[in-house]
């Protein structure tokens, strides 16, 4: 699953719990955690770690 789709899925599920749009929250936290400014800058070696974080 591409990272952008994983973020969208997690944000949708979280948003159903909070009744808010959580895409910015999840997206921003992933960027802060990974210290990147774009999906394209995420090193391949960190891809699985980012997916694992999203699915915790």
N, C-alpha and C. Protein backbone atom coordinates (compact mmCIF):
# COMPACT_ATOMS: atom_id res chain seq x y z
N UNK A 1 0.86 -1.18 0.00
CA UNK A 1 0.00 0.00 0.00
C UNK A 1 0.89 1.23 0.00
N UNK A 2 0.65 2.16 -0.93
CA UNK A 2 1.42 3.41 -0.91
C UNK A 2 1.20 4.17 0.38
N UNK A 3 2.20 4.90 0.77
CA UNK A 3 2.15 5.65 2.02
C UNK A 3 1.00 6.65 2.05
N UNK A 4 0.75 7.32 0.95
CA UNK A 4 -0.34 8.30 0.92
C UNK A 4 -1.69 7.64 1.17
N UNK A 5 -1.90 6.44 0.64
CA UNK A 5 -3.15 5.73 0.87
C UNK A 5 -3.26 5.27 2.32
N UNK A 6 -2.14 4.86 2.90
CA UNK A 6 -2.16 4.44 4.30
C UNK A 6 -2.52 5.62 5.20
N UNK A 7 -1.95 6.78 4.93
CA UNK A 7 -2.26 7.97 5.72
C UNK A 7 -3.74 8.31 5.58
N UNK A 8 -4.24 8.25 4.36
CA UNK A 8 -5.66 8.56 4.13
C UNK A 8 -6.57 7.59 4.88
N UNK A 9 -6.23 6.29 4.86
CA UNK A 9 -7.04 5.28 5.55
C UNK A 9 -7.03 5.48 7.06
N UNK A 10 -5.85 5.75 7.62
CA UNK A 10 -5.74 5.97 9.06
C UNK A 10 -6.48 7.24 9.45
N UNK A 11 -6.32 8.30 8.67
CA UNK A 11 -7.00 9.57 8.96
C UNK A 11 -8.51 9.40 8.90
N UNK A 12 -9.00 8.64 7.94
CA UNK A 12 -10.44 8.41 7.82
C UNK A 12 -10.97 7.66 9.04
N UNK A 13 -10.26 6.59 9.42
CA UNK A 13 -10.68 5.79 10.58
C UNK A 13 -10.65 6.63 11.86
N UNK A 14 -9.58 7.38 12.05
CA UNK A 14 -9.46 8.23 13.24
C UNK A 14 -10.53 9.33 13.22
N UNK A 15 -10.78 9.88 12.04
CA UNK A 15 -11.79 10.92 11.91
C UNK A 15 -13.19 10.43 12.24
N UNK A 16 -13.48 9.18 11.97
CA UNK A 16 -14.78 8.62 12.34
C UNK A 16 -14.95 8.58 13.85
N UNK A 17 -13.83 8.41 14.57
CA UNK A 17 -13.89 8.38 16.03
C UNK A 17 -14.03 9.78 16.61
N UNK A 18 -13.39 10.75 15.99
CA UNK A 18 -13.36 12.11 16.53
C UNK A 18 -14.38 13.05 15.89
N UNK A 19 -14.99 12.60 14.80
CA UNK A 19 -15.92 13.44 14.03
C UNK A 19 -15.26 14.69 13.49
N UNK A 20 -13.98 14.57 13.14
CA UNK A 20 -13.22 15.68 12.55
C UNK A 20 -12.41 15.14 11.38
N UNK A 21 -11.94 16.04 10.53
CA UNK A 21 -11.04 15.66 9.46
C UNK A 21 -9.64 15.57 10.06
N UNK A 22 -9.10 14.38 10.16
CA UNK A 22 -7.81 14.17 10.83
C UNK A 22 -6.65 13.99 9.87
N UNK A 23 -6.88 14.23 8.57
CA UNK A 23 -5.80 14.02 7.59
C UNK A 23 -4.58 14.88 7.92
N UNK A 24 -4.80 16.15 8.21
CA UNK A 24 -3.68 17.05 8.53
C UNK A 24 -2.93 16.60 9.77
N UNK A 25 -3.65 16.09 10.74
CA UNK A 25 -3.04 15.63 11.99
C UNK A 25 -2.11 14.45 11.73
N UNK A 26 -2.61 13.44 11.02
CA UNK A 26 -1.82 12.24 10.74
C UNK A 26 -0.65 12.57 9.82
N UNK A 27 -0.93 13.33 8.77
CA UNK A 27 0.07 13.75 7.79
C UNK A 27 1.19 14.52 8.49
N UNK A 28 0.83 15.49 9.30
CA UNK A 28 1.83 16.31 10.00
C UNK A 28 2.66 15.51 10.98
N UNK A 29 2.02 14.61 11.71
CA UNK A 29 2.76 13.80 12.68
C UNK A 29 3.75 12.87 11.98
N UNK A 30 3.35 12.31 10.84
CA UNK A 30 4.25 11.44 10.08
C UNK A 30 5.46 12.23 9.60
N UNK A 31 5.22 13.45 9.12
CA UNK A 31 6.33 14.28 8.67
C UNK A 31 7.25 14.67 9.82
N UNK A 32 6.67 15.00 10.97
CA UNK A 32 7.52 15.34 12.13
C UNK A 32 8.33 14.13 12.58
N UNK A 33 7.71 12.98 12.60
CA UNK A 33 8.39 11.76 13.03
C UNK A 33 9.52 11.38 12.07
N UNK A 34 9.25 11.51 10.77
CA UNK A 34 10.22 11.10 9.75
C UNK A 34 11.20 12.20 9.39
N UNK A 35 10.91 13.43 9.82
CA UNK A 35 11.74 14.60 9.51
C UNK A 35 11.94 14.78 8.01
N UNK A 36 10.83 14.69 7.26
CA UNK A 36 10.86 14.90 5.82
C UNK A 36 9.81 15.94 5.45
N UNK A 37 9.96 16.52 4.27
CA UNK A 37 8.99 17.52 3.83
C UNK A 37 8.11 17.01 2.70
N UNK A 38 8.36 15.78 2.25
CA UNK A 38 7.58 15.22 1.15
C UNK A 38 7.67 13.70 1.18
N UNK A 39 6.61 13.05 0.70
CA UNK A 39 6.65 11.59 0.59
C UNK A 39 7.83 11.15 -0.26
N UNK A 40 8.14 11.92 -1.29
CA UNK A 40 9.22 11.56 -2.21
C UNK A 40 10.59 11.57 -1.55
N UNK A 41 10.72 12.25 -0.42
CA UNK A 41 12.01 12.32 0.26
C UNK A 41 12.21 11.22 1.29
N UNK A 42 11.19 10.42 1.52
CA UNK A 42 11.30 9.34 2.49
C UNK A 42 12.24 8.26 1.95
N UNK A 43 13.32 7.97 2.65
CA UNK A 43 14.23 6.92 2.18
C UNK A 43 13.51 5.57 2.12
N UNK A 44 13.84 4.79 1.12
CA UNK A 44 13.22 3.48 0.95
C UNK A 44 13.38 2.64 2.21
N UNK A 45 14.51 2.77 2.88
CA UNK A 45 14.77 1.99 4.10
C UNK A 45 13.80 2.35 5.22
N UNK A 46 13.19 3.51 5.18
CA UNK A 46 12.27 3.96 6.23
C UNK A 46 10.81 3.72 5.88
N UNK A 47 10.54 3.25 4.67
CA UNK A 47 9.17 3.10 4.21
C UNK A 47 8.38 2.13 5.10
N UNK A 48 8.93 0.95 5.35
CA UNK A 48 8.22 -0.04 6.15
C UNK A 48 8.02 0.46 7.58
N UNK A 49 9.00 1.14 8.12
CA UNK A 49 8.88 1.70 9.48
C UNK A 49 7.73 2.70 9.54
N UNK A 50 7.58 3.52 8.50
CA UNK A 50 6.49 4.50 8.46
C UNK A 50 5.14 3.79 8.36
N UNK A 51 5.05 2.77 7.54
CA UNK A 51 3.81 2.01 7.45
C UNK A 51 3.47 1.34 8.77
N UNK A 52 4.49 0.79 9.43
CA UNK A 52 4.27 0.15 10.74
C UNK A 52 3.75 1.16 11.75
N UNK A 53 4.32 2.38 11.74
CA UNK A 53 3.87 3.42 12.66
C UNK A 53 2.40 3.77 12.40
N UNK A 54 2.04 3.83 11.13
CA UNK A 54 0.66 4.19 10.78
C UNK A 54 -0.34 3.12 11.23
N UNK A 55 0.08 1.88 11.28
CA UNK A 55 -0.85 0.80 11.58
C UNK A 55 -0.77 0.33 13.04
N UNK A 56 -0.05 1.04 13.87
CA UNK A 56 0.02 0.68 15.31
C UNK A 56 -1.34 0.78 15.94
